Amino acid sequence: MEERVRTPWWFGLVLLLWGQSVGFSFGQAGIPEPTSPGGSTAPAGTTVPGSSTASGWLRLNGRIGINNSDPRSSLHVSAGDVYIDNIGSGVIMRSPNGYCWRVTIDNTGNFVRTRIACPGEPALTSEMLALQPGPGEGQDAFTSTYSTTAITGAGYGMAVGAWTTDGTPLTYQSYLRFNLSAIPATARIDSAFLRLTYYDIAWFAPSPNVGNNPVYLQRVTSAWDQTTLNYASRPTSTTVGQIAVPSAESQPGVYQKLDVKSQVAAMVANPATNFGWLLRLQDEAPAPPYRALQFCTSEHPTPANRPRLVVYYSL
């Protein structure tokens, strides 16, 4: 962003001669900066004139101070404002990892950050990965205290709930995982959504979804496989970054769409930590009251009902 100031024709010549005398370098926009062996540094306390033609750039070696005599950083403004008018085009910043971001501000004062290609680098490319694995490909199953050694990975549904059998309290938890290896670890995750469809057979009377049944979607932190998963061997999980899913009384065929951007971003950035998700009740106290949810698995005979993860990312 530049501000144009009308100045006398001779001002640029005077400023150029002055700059050479104190060690500043000037150049036209888009033209490589002339260099000299070793460079030079302006003497401490040098004062820059108050205006310029603003049709190029000005490089000052070392720290720059405005309204102060001893700048403490690369640009130090003391007792003054930095005013940028109409910041619609934004300010471009480079983060420590080498990414460039355009930061703008909207009319309500909210800052908006968008990753862009750094100046002089190729444009970013946007990609989409949709995952909805079928039988033999997907990883999803549930565990139950009804049988701590039962393996359920081949079933059409998975359960989350608190129930009883012959007066004995039961707890159900479900696990699922997607293969994210197609996304480079350096990619920026722009959005990610997990879609889970409610199961169409009622294990828990009178319907698949019963009672006040809000759940948590938590990241799993240790390895598991649906061919060996049971309650006794269930993996560990973490509450860090967990997603709260509200209570649902939806009927079979209706799906729940969850925003999992932050969790997927962490899984992609560190592939070794992608152990998928755990679905558990927010309140796992023994029943009654009875509460439960059922979701379709990747083994479900209707492909559209299987768990689906869609990820948009930039390279």
C-alpha atoms as a PDB file:
ATOM      1  CA  MET A   1       0.000   0.000   0.000  1.00  0.00           C
ATOM      2  CA  GLU A   2       1.512   3.332  -0.936  1.00  0.00           C
ATOM      3  CA  GLU A   3       0.690   6.956  -0.356  1.00  0.00           C
ATOM      4  CA  ARG A   4       1.490   9.411  -3.150  1.00  0.00           C
ATOM      5  CA  VAL A   5       2.642  12.906  -2.226  1.00  0.00           C
ATOM      6  CA  ARG A   6       3.092  15.780  -4.717  1.00  0.00           C
ATOM      7  CA  THR A   7       6.609  17.193  -4.353  1.00  0.00           C
ATOM      8  CA  PRO A   8       8.830  19.575  -6.378  1.00  0.00           C
ATOM      9  CA  TRP A   9      10.710  17.986  -9.279  1.00  0.00           C
ATOM     10  CA  TRP A  10      14.056  18.644  -7.627  1.00  0.00           C
ATOM     11  CA  PHE A  11      13.201  16.952  -4.316  1.00  0.00           C
ATOM     12  CA  GLY A  12      13.988  13.433  -5.529  1.00  0.00           C
ATOM     13  CA  LEU A  13      17.467  14.454  -6.650  1.00  0.00           C
ATOM     14  CA  VAL A  14      18.213  16.091  -3.299  1.00  0.00           C
ATOM     15  CA  LEU A  15      16.936  13.034  -1.389  1.00  0.00           C
ATOM     16  CA  LEU A  16      19.007  10.657  -3.550  1.00  0.00           C
ATOM     17  CA  LEU A  17      22.223  12.636  -2.992  1.00  0.00           C
ATOM     18  CA  TRP A  18      21.520  12.872   0.726  1.00  0.00           C
ATOM     19  CA  GLY A  19      20.808   9.137   0.968  1.00  0.00           C
ATOM     20  CA  GLN A  20      24.069   8.194  -0.683  1.00  0.00           C
ATOM     21  CA  SER A  21      25.959  10.414   1.751  1.00  0.00           C
ATOM     22  CA  VAL A  22      24.528   8.658   4.850  1.00  0.00           C
ATOM     23  CA  GLY A  23      24.471   5.095   3.589  1.00  0.00           C
ATOM     24  CA  PHE A  24      20.765   4.598   2.641  1.00  0.00           C
ATOM     25  CA  SER A  25      19.911   2.910  -0.666  1.00  0.00           C
ATOM     26  CA  PHE A  26      17.007   3.807  -2.946  1.00  0.00           C
ATOM     27  CA  GLY A  27      15.545   2.027  -5.944  1.00  0.00           C
ATOM     28  CA  GLN A  28      12.512   1.839  -8.210  1.00  0.00           C
ATOM     29  CA  ALA A  29       9.812  -0.715  -7.470  1.00  0.00           C
ATOM     30  CA  GLY A  30      10.424  -3.973  -9.319  1.00  0.00           C
ATOM     31  CA  ILE A  31      14.094  -3.193 -10.125  1.00  0.00           C
ATOM     32  CA  PRO A  32      16.784  -5.164  -8.274  1.00  0.00           C
ATOM     33  CA  GLU A  33      18.505  -3.153  -5.583  1.00  0.00           C
ATOM     34  CA  PRO A  34      22.032  -2.009  -6.478  1.00  0.00           C
ATOM     35  CA  THR A  35      24.567  -3.490  -4.104  1.00  0.00           C
ATOM     36  CA  SER A  36      28.008  -2.539  -2.937  1.00  0.00           C
ATOM     37  CA  PRO A  37      30.594  -4.644  -1.118  1.00  0.00           C
ATOM     38  CA  GLY A  38      29.916  -4.771   2.596  1.00  0.00           C
ATOM     39  CA  GLY A  39      27.017  -2.322   2.475  1.00  0.00           C
ATOM     40  CA  SER A  40      26.796   0.680   4.753  1.00  0.00           C
ATOM     41  CA  THR A  41      24.930   1.804   7.841  1.00  0.00           C
ATOM     42  CA  ALA A  42      23.436   5.198   8.542  1.00  0.00           C
ATOM     43  CA  PRO A  43      25.043   6.967  11.499  1.00  0.00           C
ATOM     44  CA  ALA A  44      23.108   6.840  14.756  1.00  0.00           C
ATOM     45  CA  GLY A  45      20.726   9.736  15.109  1.00  0.00           C
ATOM     46  CA  THR A  46      20.339  10.338  11.355  1.00  0.00           C
ATOM     47  CA  THR A  47      17.030  12.027  10.545  1.00  0.00           C
ATOM     48  CA  VAL A  48      15.092  11.161   7.385  1.00  0.00           C
ATOM     49  CA  PRO A  49      13.296  14.043   5.586  1.00  0.00           C
ATOM     50  CA  GLY A  50       9.546  14.108   6.114  1.00  0.00           C
ATOM     51  CA  SER A  51       8.368  13.198   2.617  1.00  0.00           C
ATOM     52  CA  SER A  52       9.362  11.421  -0.575  1.00  0.00           C
ATOM     53  CA  THR A  53       8.061  10.680  -4.046  1.00  0.00           C
ATOM     54  CA  ALA A  54       6.829   7.269  -2.714  1.00  0.00           C
ATOM     55  CA  SER A  55       7.379   5.580  -6.061  1.00  0.00           C
ATOM     56  CA  GLY A  56       9.932   3.042  -4.894  1.00  0.00           C
ATOM     57  CA  TRP A  57      11.501   1.711  -1.749  1.00  0.00           C
ATOM     58  CA  LEU A  58      13.868   2.853   0.956  1.00  0.00           C
ATOM     59  CA  ARG A  59      16.161   0.419   2.778  1.00  0.00           C
ATOM     60  CA  LEU A  60      17.767   1.339   6.070  1.00  0.00           C
ATOM     61  CA  ASN A  61      20.330  -0.967   7.601  1.00  0.00           C
ATOM     62  CA  GLY A  62      19.841  -1.931  11.243  1.00  0.00           C
ATOM     63  CA  ARG A  63      16.987  -0.656  13.406  1.00  0.00           C
ATOM     64  CA  ILE A  64      14.635   2.180  12.546  1.00  0.00           C
ATOM     65  CA  GLY A  65      13.241   4.494  15.194  1.00  0.00           C
ATOM     66  CA  ILE A  66      10.368   6.938  14.856  1.00  0.00           C
ATOM     67  CA  ASN A  67      10.056   9.571  17.560  1.00  0.00           C
ATOM     68  CA  ASN A  68      12.795   7.918  19.617  1.00  0.00           C
ATOM     69  CA  SER A  69      16.576   7.957  19.721  1.00  0.00           C
ATOM     70  CA  ASP A  70      17.297   4.308  20.570  1.00  0.00           C
ATOM     71  CA  PRO A  71      15.020   1.860  18.686  1.00  0.00           C
ATOM     72  CA  ARG A  72      14.603  -1.512  20.437  1.00  0.00           C
ATOM     73  CA  SER A  73      13.413  -3.471  17.410  1.00  0.00           C
ATOM     74  CA  SER A  74      13.558  -3.437  13.624  1.00  0.00           C
ATOM     75  CA  LEU A  75      10.838  -0.765  13.598  1.00  0.00           C
ATOM     76  CA  HIS A  76      10.145   1.091  16.833  1.00  0.00           C
ATOM     77  CA  VAL A  77       7.464   3.787  16.963  1.00  0.00           C
ATOM     78  CA  SER A  78       7.409   5.816  20.170  1.00  0.00           C
ATOM     79  CA  ALA A  79       4.549   8.128  21.206  1.00  0.00           C
ATOM     80  CA  GLY A  80       2.901   7.963  17.807  1.00  0.00           C
ATOM     81  CA  ASP A  81       0.341   6.123  15.686  1.00  0.00           C
ATOM     82  CA  VAL A  82       0.896   3.917  12.665  1.00  0.00           C
ATOM     83  CA  TYR A  83      -2.016   4.756  10.387  1.00  0.00           C
ATOM     84  CA  ILE A  84      -2.986   2.542   7.454  1.00  0.00           C
ATOM     85  CA  ASP A  85      -6.010   3.775   5.535  1.00  0.00           C
ATOM     86  CA  ASN A  86      -8.491   1.359   3.911  1.00  0.00           C
ATOM     87  CA  ILE A  87      -6.669  -1.904   4.538  1.00  0.00           C
ATOM     88  CA  GLY A  88      -8.772  -3.826   2.012  1.00  0.00           C
ATOM     89  CA  SER A  89      -5.687  -5.230   0.319  1.00  0.00           C
ATOM     90  CA  GLY A  90      -4.194  -6.292   3.623  1.00  0.00           C
ATOM     91  CA  VAL A  91      -0.770  -6.542   5.153  1.00  0.00           C
ATOM     92  CA  ILE A  92       1.352  -9.522   4.077  1.00  0.00           C
ATOM     93  CA  MET A  93       3.289 -11.288   6.831  1.00  0.00           C
ATOM     94  CA  ARG A  94       5.639 -14.283   6.657  1.00  0.00           C
ATOM     95  CA  SER A  95       5.390 -16.725   9.580  1.00  0.00           C
ATOM     96  CA  PRO A  96       8.418 -18.593  10.982  1.00  0.00           C
ATOM     97  CA  ASN A  97       7.517 -21.719   8.965  1.00  0.00           C
ATOM     98  CA  GLY A  98       7.865 -19.773   5.709  1.00  0.00           C
ATOM     99  CA  TYR A  99       4.137 -19.368   4.984  1.00  0.00           C
ATOM    100  CA  CYS A 100       2.808 -15.979   3.902  1.00  0.00           C
ATOM    101  CA  TRP A 101      -0.465 -14.565   5.225  1.00  0.00           C
ATOM    102  CA  ARG A 102      -2.573 -11.623   4.133  1.00  0.00           C
ATOM    103  CA  VAL A 103      -4.176  -9.985   7.164  1.00  0.00           C
ATOM    104  CA  THR A 104      -7.148  -7.697   6.581  1.00  0.00           C
ATOM    105  CA  ILE A 105      -9.722  -6.070   8.830  1.00  0.00           C
ATOM    106  CA  ASP A 106     -13.460  -5.934   8.189  1.00  0.00           C
ATOM    107  CA  ASN A 107     -15.917  -3.147   8.962  1.00  0.00           C
ATOM    108  CA  THR A 108     -16.602  -4.536  12.445  1.00  0.00           C
ATOM    109  CA  GLY A 109     -12.930  -4.585  13.439  1.00  0.00           C
ATOM    110  CA  ASN A 110     -12.365  -8.321  13.055  1.00  0.00           C
ATOM    111  CA  PHE A 111      -9.048  -9.417  11.586  1.00  0.00           C
ATOM    112  CA  VAL A 112      -9.179 -11.927   8.744  1.00  0.00           C
ATOM    113  CA  ARG A 113      -6.174 -14.133   7.975  1.00  0.00           C
ATOM    114  CA  THR A 114      -5.718 -15.835   4.604  1.00  0.00           C
ATOM    115  CA  ARG A 115      -2.747 -17.871   3.507  1.00  0.00           C
ATOM    116  CA  ILE A 116      -1.341 -16.705   0.157  1.00  0.00           C
ATOM    117  CA  ALA A 117       1.657 -17.410  -2.003  1.00  0.00           C
ATOM    118  CA  CYS A 118       4.676 -15.449  -0.836  1.00  0.00           C
ATOM    119  CA  PRO A 119       5.753 -12.674  -3.222  1.00  0.00           C
ATOM    120  CA  GLY A 120       7.779 -14.149  -6.052  1.00  0.00           C
ATOM    121  CA  GLU A 121       6.544 -17.712  -5.400  1.00  0.00           C
ATOM    122  CA  PRO A 122       4.056 -19.811  -7.439  1.00  0.00           C
ATOM    123  CA  ALA A 123       0.361 -19.453  -6.610  1.00  0.00           C
ATOM    124  CA  LEU A 124      -1.110 -21.790  -3.988  1.00  0.00           C
ATOM    125  CA  THR A 125      -3.169 -24.712  -5.219  1.00  0.00           C
ATOM    126  CA  SER A 126      -6.359 -25.799  -3.443  1.00  0.00           C
ATOM    127  CA  GLU A 127      -7.191 -29.495  -3.152  1.00  0.00           C
ATOM    128  CA  MET A 128     -10.095 -31.558  -1.849  1.00  0.00           C
ATOM    129  CA  LEU A 129      -9.954 -35.067  -0.418  1.00  0.00           C
ATOM    130  CA  ALA A 130     -13.201 -36.975   0.150  1.00  0.00           C
ATOM    131  CA  LEU A 131     -12.937 -40.225   2.106  1.00  0.00           C
ATOM    132  CA  GLN A 132     -15.839 -42.670   2.484  1.00  0.00           C
ATOM    133  CA  PRO A 133     -14.282 -46.137   2.695  1.00  0.00           C
ATOM    134  CA  GLY A 134     -16.293 -49.299   2.320  1.00  0.00           C
ATOM    135  CA  PRO A 135     -16.064 -52.825   3.753  1.00  0.00           C
ATOM    136  CA  GLY A 136     -12.493 -54.011   4.166  1.00  0.00           C
ATOM    137  CA  GLU A 137     -11.155 -50.446   3.919  1.00  0.00           C
ATOM    138  CA  GLY A 138     -12.743 -48.493   6.741  1.00  0.00           C
ATOM    139  CA  GLN A 139     -11.702 -48.588  10.380  1.00  0.00           C
ATOM    140  CA  ASP A 140     -14.710 -48.300  12.699  1.00  0.00           C
ATOM    141  CA  ALA A 141     -16.103 -50.385  15.540  1.00  0.00           C
ATOM    142  CA  PHE A 142     -17.631 -50.121  19.003  1.00  0.00           C
ATOM    143  CA  THR A 143     -16.785 -51.564  22.405  1.00  0.00           C
ATOM    144  CA  SER A 144     -19.106 -52.625  25.209  1.00  0.00           C
ATOM    145  CA  THR A 145     -18.848 -53.690  28.822  1.00  0.00           C
ATOM    146  CA  TYR A 146     -21.482 -56.341  27.994  1.00  0.00           C
ATOM    147  CA  SER A 147     -18.612 -58.441  26.647  1.00  0.00           C
ATOM    148  CA  THR A 148     -15.183 -56.955  27.205  1.00  0.00           C
ATOM    149  CA  THR A 149     -13.599 -59.308  24.646  1.00  0.00           C
ATOM    150  CA  ALA A 150     -16.206 -59.078  21.861  1.00  0.00           C
ATOM    151  CA  ILE A 151     -14.950 -57.792  18.472  1.00  0.00           C
ATOM    152  CA  THR A 152     -17.529 -55.767  16.520  1.00  0.00           C
ATOM    153  CA  GLY A 153     -15.605 -54.380  13.536  1.00  0.00           C
ATOM    154  CA  ALA A 154     -17.607 -56.358  10.969  1.00  0.00           C
ATOM    155  CA  GLY A 155     -20.992 -54.918  11.966  1.00  0.00           C
ATOM    156  CA  TYR A 156     -23.162 -52.428  10.080  1.00  0.00           C
ATOM    157  CA  GLY A 157     -23.580 -50.129  13.085  1.00  0.00           C
ATOM    158  CA  MET A 158     -21.669 -48.728  16.046  1.00  0.00           C
ATOM    159  CA  ALA A 159     -23.120 -47.600  19.347  1.00  0.00           C
ATOM    160  CA  VAL A 160     -22.532 -44.924  21.966  1.00  0.00           C
ATOM    161  CA  GLY A 161     -24.559 -45.176  25.131  1.00  0.00           C
ATOM    162  CA  ALA A 162     -25.363 -46.110  28.707  1.00  0.00           C
ATOM    163  CA  TRP A 163     -27.753 -49.059  29.036  1.00  0.00           C
ATOM    164  CA  THR A 164     -28.524 -52.128  31.176  1.00  0.00           C
ATOM    165  CA  THR A 165     -28.922 -55.850  30.592  1.00  0.00           C
ATOM    166  CA  ASP A 166     -30.717 -57.797  33.317  1.00  0.00           C
ATOM    167  CA  GLY A 167     -30.054 -54.870  35.626  1.00  0.00           C
ATOM    168  CA  THR A 168     -26.309 -54.740  34.863  1.00  0.00           C
ATOM    169  CA  PRO A 169     -25.102 -51.296  33.674  1.00  0.00           C
ATOM    170  CA  LEU A 170     -23.447 -51.224  30.239  1.00  0.00           C
ATOM    171  CA  THR A 171     -21.255 -48.628  28.537  1.00  0.00           C
ATOM    172  CA  TYR A 172     -20.828 -48.337  24.768  1.00  0.00           C
ATOM    173  CA  GLN A 173     -18.104 -46.387  22.955  1.00  0.00           C
ATOM    174  CA  SER A 174     -17.282 -46.141  19.239  1.00  0.00           C
ATOM    175  CA  TYR A 175     -14.060 -45.619  17.288  1.00  0.00           C
ATOM    176  CA  LEU A 176     -13.291 -44.598  13.710  1.00  0.00           C
ATOM    177  CA  ARG A 177     -10.229 -43.634  11.718  1.00  0.00           C
ATOM    178  CA  PHE A 178      -9.465 -42.347   8.195  1.00  0.00           C
ATOM    179  CA  ASN A 179      -6.276 -42.676   6.165  1.00  0.00           C
ATOM    180  CA  LEU A 180      -4.987 -39.112   5.631  1.00  0.00           C
ATOM    181  CA  SER A 181      -1.668 -40.071   4.031  1.00  0.00           C
ATOM    182  CA  ALA A 182      -2.699 -38.502   0.691  1.00  0.00           C
ATOM    183  CA  ILE A 183      -2.392 -35.031   2.259  1.00  0.00           C
ATOM    184  CA  PRO A 184       1.197 -33.735   2.616  1.00  0.00           C
ATOM    185  CA  ALA A 185       2.216 -32.964   6.183  1.00  0.00           C
ATOM    186  CA  THR A 186       3.093 -29.414   5.075  1.00  0.00           C
ATOM    187  CA  ALA A 187      -0.409 -28.714   3.718  1.00  0.00           C
ATOM    188  CA  ARG A 188      -2.617 -26.060   5.282  1.00  0.00           C
ATOM    189  CA  ILE A 189      -6.034 -27.459   6.239  1.00  0.00           C
ATOM    190  CA  ASP A 190      -8.679 -24.946   5.142  1.00  0.00           C
ATOM    191  CA  SER A 191     -11.707 -26.940   6.332  1.00  0.00           C
ATOM    192  CA  ALA A 192     -12.671 -30.480   7.287  1.00  0.00           C
ATOM    193  CA  PHE A 193     -16.065 -32.039   7.975  1.00  0.00           C
ATOM    194  CA  LEU A 194     -17.004 -35.455   9.331  1.00  0.00           C
ATOM    195  CA  ARG A 195     -20.427 -36.831   8.435  1.00  0.00           C
ATOM    196  CA  LEU A 196     -21.956 -39.622  10.500  1.00  0.00           C
ATOM    197  CA  THR A 197     -25.317 -41.139   9.541  1.00  0.00           C
ATOM    198  CA  TYR A 198     -27.643 -42.547  12.177  1.00  0.00           C
ATOM    199  CA  TYR A 199     -28.122 -46.309  12.001  1.00  0.00           C
ATOM    200  CA  ASP A 200     -31.380 -47.768  10.738  1.00  0.00           C
ATOM    201  CA  ILE A 201     -31.861 -50.691  13.153  1.00  0.00           C
ATOM    202  CA  ALA A 202     -32.858 -50.064  16.763  1.00  0.00           C
ATOM    203  CA  TRP A 203     -30.650 -51.957  19.183  1.00  0.00           C
ATOM    204  CA  PHE A 204     -31.979 -49.779  21.974  1.00  0.00           C
ATOM    205  CA  ALA A 205     -35.796 -49.736  22.193  1.00  0.00           C
ATOM    206  CA  PRO A 206     -37.833 -47.894  21.223  1.00  0.00           C
ATOM    207  CA  SER A 207     -35.542 -46.238  18.607  1.00  0.00           C
ATOM    208  CA  PRO A 208     -31.850 -46.097  17.581  1.00  0.00           C
ATOM    209  CA  ASN A 209     -31.358 -42.806  19.436  1.00  0.00           C
ATOM    210  CA  VAL A 210     -32.698 -42.633  22.976  1.00  0.00           C
ATOM    211  CA  GLY A 211     -32.742 -40.087  25.795  1.00  0.00           C
ATOM    212  CA  ASN A 212     -30.525 -37.115  26.547  1.00  0.00           C
ATOM    213  CA  ASN A 213     -27.460 -38.309  24.651  1.00  0.00           C
ATOM    214  CA  PRO A 214     -24.882 -35.566  23.913  1.00  0.00           C
ATOM    215  CA  VAL A 215     -21.469 -37.004  23.057  1.00  0.00           C
ATOM    216  CA  TYR A 216     -17.828 -35.977  22.785  1.00  0.00           C
ATOM    217  CA  LEU A 217     -15.698 -36.574  19.731  1.00  0.00           C
ATOM    218  CA  GLN A 218     -12.182 -37.070  21.100  1.00  0.00           C
ATOM    219  CA  ARG A 219      -8.861 -37.824  19.454  1.00  0.00           C
ATOM    220  CA  VAL A 220      -7.494 -41.303  20.101  1.00  0.00           C
ATOM    221  CA  THR A 221      -3.873 -41.322  21.266  1.00  0.00           C
ATOM    222  CA  SER A 222      -2.776 -44.943  20.807  1.00  0.00           C
ATOM    223  CA  ALA A 223      -2.979 -47.618  18.122  1.00  0.00           C
ATOM    224  CA  TRP A 224      -5.975 -49.872  17.465  1.00  0.00           C
ATOM    225  CA  ASP A 225      -7.465 -51.978  14.668  1.00  0.00           C
ATOM    226  CA  GLN A 226     -11.092 -52.908  14.104  1.00  0.00           C
ATOM    227  CA  THR A 227     -10.190 -56.581  13.673  1.00  0.00           C
ATOM    228  CA  THR A 228      -8.888 -56.811  17.243  1.00  0.00           C
ATOM    229  CA  LEU A 229     -10.593 -53.937  19.085  1.00  0.00           C
ATOM    230  CA  ASN A 230     -12.616 -54.787  22.180  1.00  0.00           C
ATOM    231  CA  TYR A 231     -13.405 -53.121  25.491  1.00  0.00           C
ATOM    232  CA  ALA A 232     -10.477 -54.760  27.271  1.00  0.00           C
ATOM    233  CA  SER A 233      -7.963 -53.566  24.642  1.00  0.00           C
ATOM    234  CA  ARG A 234      -9.490 -50.187  23.862  1.00  0.00           C
ATOM    235  CA  PRO A 235      -6.965 -47.389  23.136  1.00  0.00           C
ATOM    236  CA  THR A 236      -6.376 -44.207  25.095  1.00  0.00           C
ATOM    237  CA  SER A 237      -7.849 -40.826  24.183  1.00  0.00           C
ATOM    238  CA  THR A 238      -7.518 -37.175  25.134  1.00  0.00           C
ATOM    239  CA  THR A 239      -9.972 -34.452  26.100  1.00  0.00           C
ATOM    240  CA  VAL A 240      -7.708 -31.796  24.544  1.00  0.00           C
ATOM    241  CA  GLY A 241      -9.552 -30.218  21.618  1.00  0.00           C
ATOM    242  CA  GLN A 242     -12.579 -32.494  22.042  1.00  0.00           C
ATOM    243  CA  ILE A 243     -15.735 -31.580  20.117  1.00  0.00           C
ATOM    244  CA  ALA A 244     -19.094 -31.470  21.878  1.00  0.00           C
ATOM    245  CA  VAL A 245     -21.949 -32.978  19.864  1.00  0.00           C
ATOM    246  CA  PRO A 246     -25.451 -32.005  21.064  1.00  0.00           C
ATOM    247  CA  SER A 247     -28.151 -34.465  22.021  1.00  0.00           C
ATOM    248  CA  ALA A 248     -29.961 -35.993  19.052  1.00  0.00           C
ATOM    249  CA  GLU A 249     -33.262 -37.730  18.554  1.00  0.00           C
ATOM    250  CA  SER A 250     -32.886 -37.864  14.779  1.00  0.00           C
ATOM    251  CA  GLN A 251     -34.197 -40.883  12.925  1.00  0.00           C
ATOM    252  CA  PRO A 252     -32.238 -43.308  10.722  1.00  0.00           C
ATOM    253  CA  GLY A 253     -30.895 -41.854   7.473  1.00  0.00           C
ATOM    254  CA  VAL A 254     -30.334 -38.411   9.006  1.00  0.00           C
ATOM    255  CA  TYR A 255     -26.690 -37.483   9.425  1.00  0.00           C
ATOM    256  CA  GLN A 256     -24.629 -35.409  11.842  1.00  0.00           C
ATOM    257  CA  LYS A 257     -22.056 -33.063  10.240  1.00  0.00           C
ATOM    258  CA  LEU A 258     -19.133 -32.118  12.489  1.00  0.00           C
ATOM    259  CA  ASP A 259     -16.462 -29.468  11.946  1.00  0.00           C
ATOM    260  CA  VAL A 260     -13.172 -31.288  12.601  1.00  0.00           C
ATOM    261  CA  LYS A 261     -10.736 -28.831  11.010  1.00  0.00           C
ATOM    262  CA  SER A 262      -8.432 -28.366  14.002  1.00  0.00           C
ATOM    263  CA  GLN A 263      -8.249 -32.087  14.765  1.00  0.00           C
ATOM    264  CA  VAL A 264      -7.551 -33.043  11.147  1.00  0.00           C
ATOM    265  CA  ALA A 265      -4.898 -30.321  10.909  1.00  0.00           C
ATOM    266  CA  ALA A 266      -3.080 -31.871  13.873  1.00  0.00           C
ATOM    267  CA  MET A 267      -3.358 -35.369  12.394  1.00  0.00           C
ATOM    268  CA  VAL A 268      -1.992 -34.218   9.028  1.00  0.00           C
ATOM    269  CA  ALA A 269       0.860 -32.187  10.512  1.00  0.00           C
ATOM    270  CA  ASN A 270       2.000 -35.192  12.556  1.00  0.00           C
ATOM    271  CA  PRO A 271       0.847 -38.358  10.750  1.00  0.00           C
ATOM    272  CA  ALA A 272       2.225 -40.613  13.474  1.00  0.00           C
ATOM    273  CA  THR A 273      -0.489 -39.286  15.810  1.00  0.00           C
ATOM    274  CA  ASN A 274      -3.429 -40.116  13.536  1.00  0.00           C
ATOM    275  CA  PHE A 275      -5.195 -42.778  15.573  1.00  0.00           C
ATOM    276  CA  GLY A 276      -8.649 -41.484  14.663  1.00  0.00           C
ATOM    277  CA  TRP A 277     -11.532 -40.599  16.959  1.00  0.00           C
ATOM    278  CA  LEU A 278     -13.499 -41.857  19.922  1.00  0.00           C
ATOM    279  CA  LEU A 279     -17.226 -41.183  20.313  1.00  0.00           C
ATOM    280  CA  ARG A 280     -18.388 -41.349  23.924  1.00  0.00           C
ATOM    281  CA  LEU A 281     -21.276 -39.977  25.963  1.00  0.00           C
ATOM    282  CA  GLN A 282     -20.569 -36.706  27.731  1.00  0.00           C
ATOM    283  CA  ASP A 283     -22.096 -38.317  30.820  1.00  0.00           C
ATOM    284  CA  GLU A 284     -21.161 -41.989  31.113  1.00  0.00           C
ATOM    285  CA  ALA A 285     -22.813 -42.499  34.500  1.00  0.00           C
ATOM    286  CA  PRO A 286     -24.594 -45.876  34.708  1.00  0.00           C
ATOM    287  CA  ALA A 287     -28.144 -46.136  33.388  1.00  0.00           C
ATOM    288  CA  PRO A 288     -30.900 -45.416  34.132  1.00  0.00           C
ATOM    289  CA  PRO A 289     -31.694 -42.954  32.728  1.00  0.00           C
ATOM    290  CA  TYR A 290     -31.185 -44.716  29.427  1.00  0.00           C
ATOM    291  CA  ARG A 291     -29.403 -42.860  26.624  1.00  0.00           C
ATOM    292  CA  ALA A 292     -27.836 -44.067  23.414  1.00  0.00           C
ATOM    293  CA  LEU A 293     -26.875 -43.257  19.818  1.00  0.00           C
ATOM    294  CA  GLN A 294     -26.202 -45.485  16.841  1.00  0.00           C
ATOM    295  CA  PHE A 295     -24.219 -44.660  13.688  1.00  0.00           C
ATOM    296  CA  CYS A 296     -23.595 -46.523  10.443  1.00  0.00           C
ATOM    297  CA  THR A 297     -20.149 -48.018   9.833  1.00  0.00           C
ATOM    298  CA  SER A 298     -18.101 -48.457   6.659  1.00  0.00           C
ATOM    299  CA  GLU A 299     -19.577 -51.976   6.396  1.00  0.00           C
ATOM    300  CA  HIS A 300     -23.117 -50.623   5.937  1.00  0.00           C
ATOM    301  CA  PRO A 301     -24.714 -51.938   2.715  1.00  0.00           C
ATOM    302  CA  THR A 302     -25.816 -48.437   1.662  1.00  0.00           C
ATOM    303  CA  PRO A 303     -22.643 -46.583   0.572  1.00  0.00           C
ATOM    304  CA  ALA A 304     -24.136 -43.129   1.181  1.00  0.00           C
ATOM    305  CA  ASN A 305     -24.670 -43.975   4.864  1.00  0.00           C
ATOM    306  CA  ARG A 306     -21.036 -44.814   5.629  1.00  0.00           C
ATOM    307  CA  PRO A 307     -18.838 -42.370   7.587  1.00  0.00           C
ATOM    308  CA  ARG A 308     -17.518 -39.646   5.294  1.00  0.00           C
ATOM    309  CA  LEU A 309     -14.667 -37.176   5.815  1.00  0.00           C
ATOM    310  CA  VAL A 310     -14.129 -34.245   3.429  1.00  0.00           C
ATOM    311  CA  VAL A 311     -10.956 -32.160   3.717  1.00  0.00           C
ATOM    312  CA  TYR A 312     -10.085 -28.982   1.806  1.00  0.00           C
ATOM    313  CA  TYR A 313      -6.420 -28.021   1.922  1.00  0.00           C
ATOM    314  CA  SER A 314      -3.831 -25.766   0.280  1.00  0.00           C
ATOM    315  CA  LEU A 315      -0.329 -26.700  -0.789  1.00  0.00           C
END
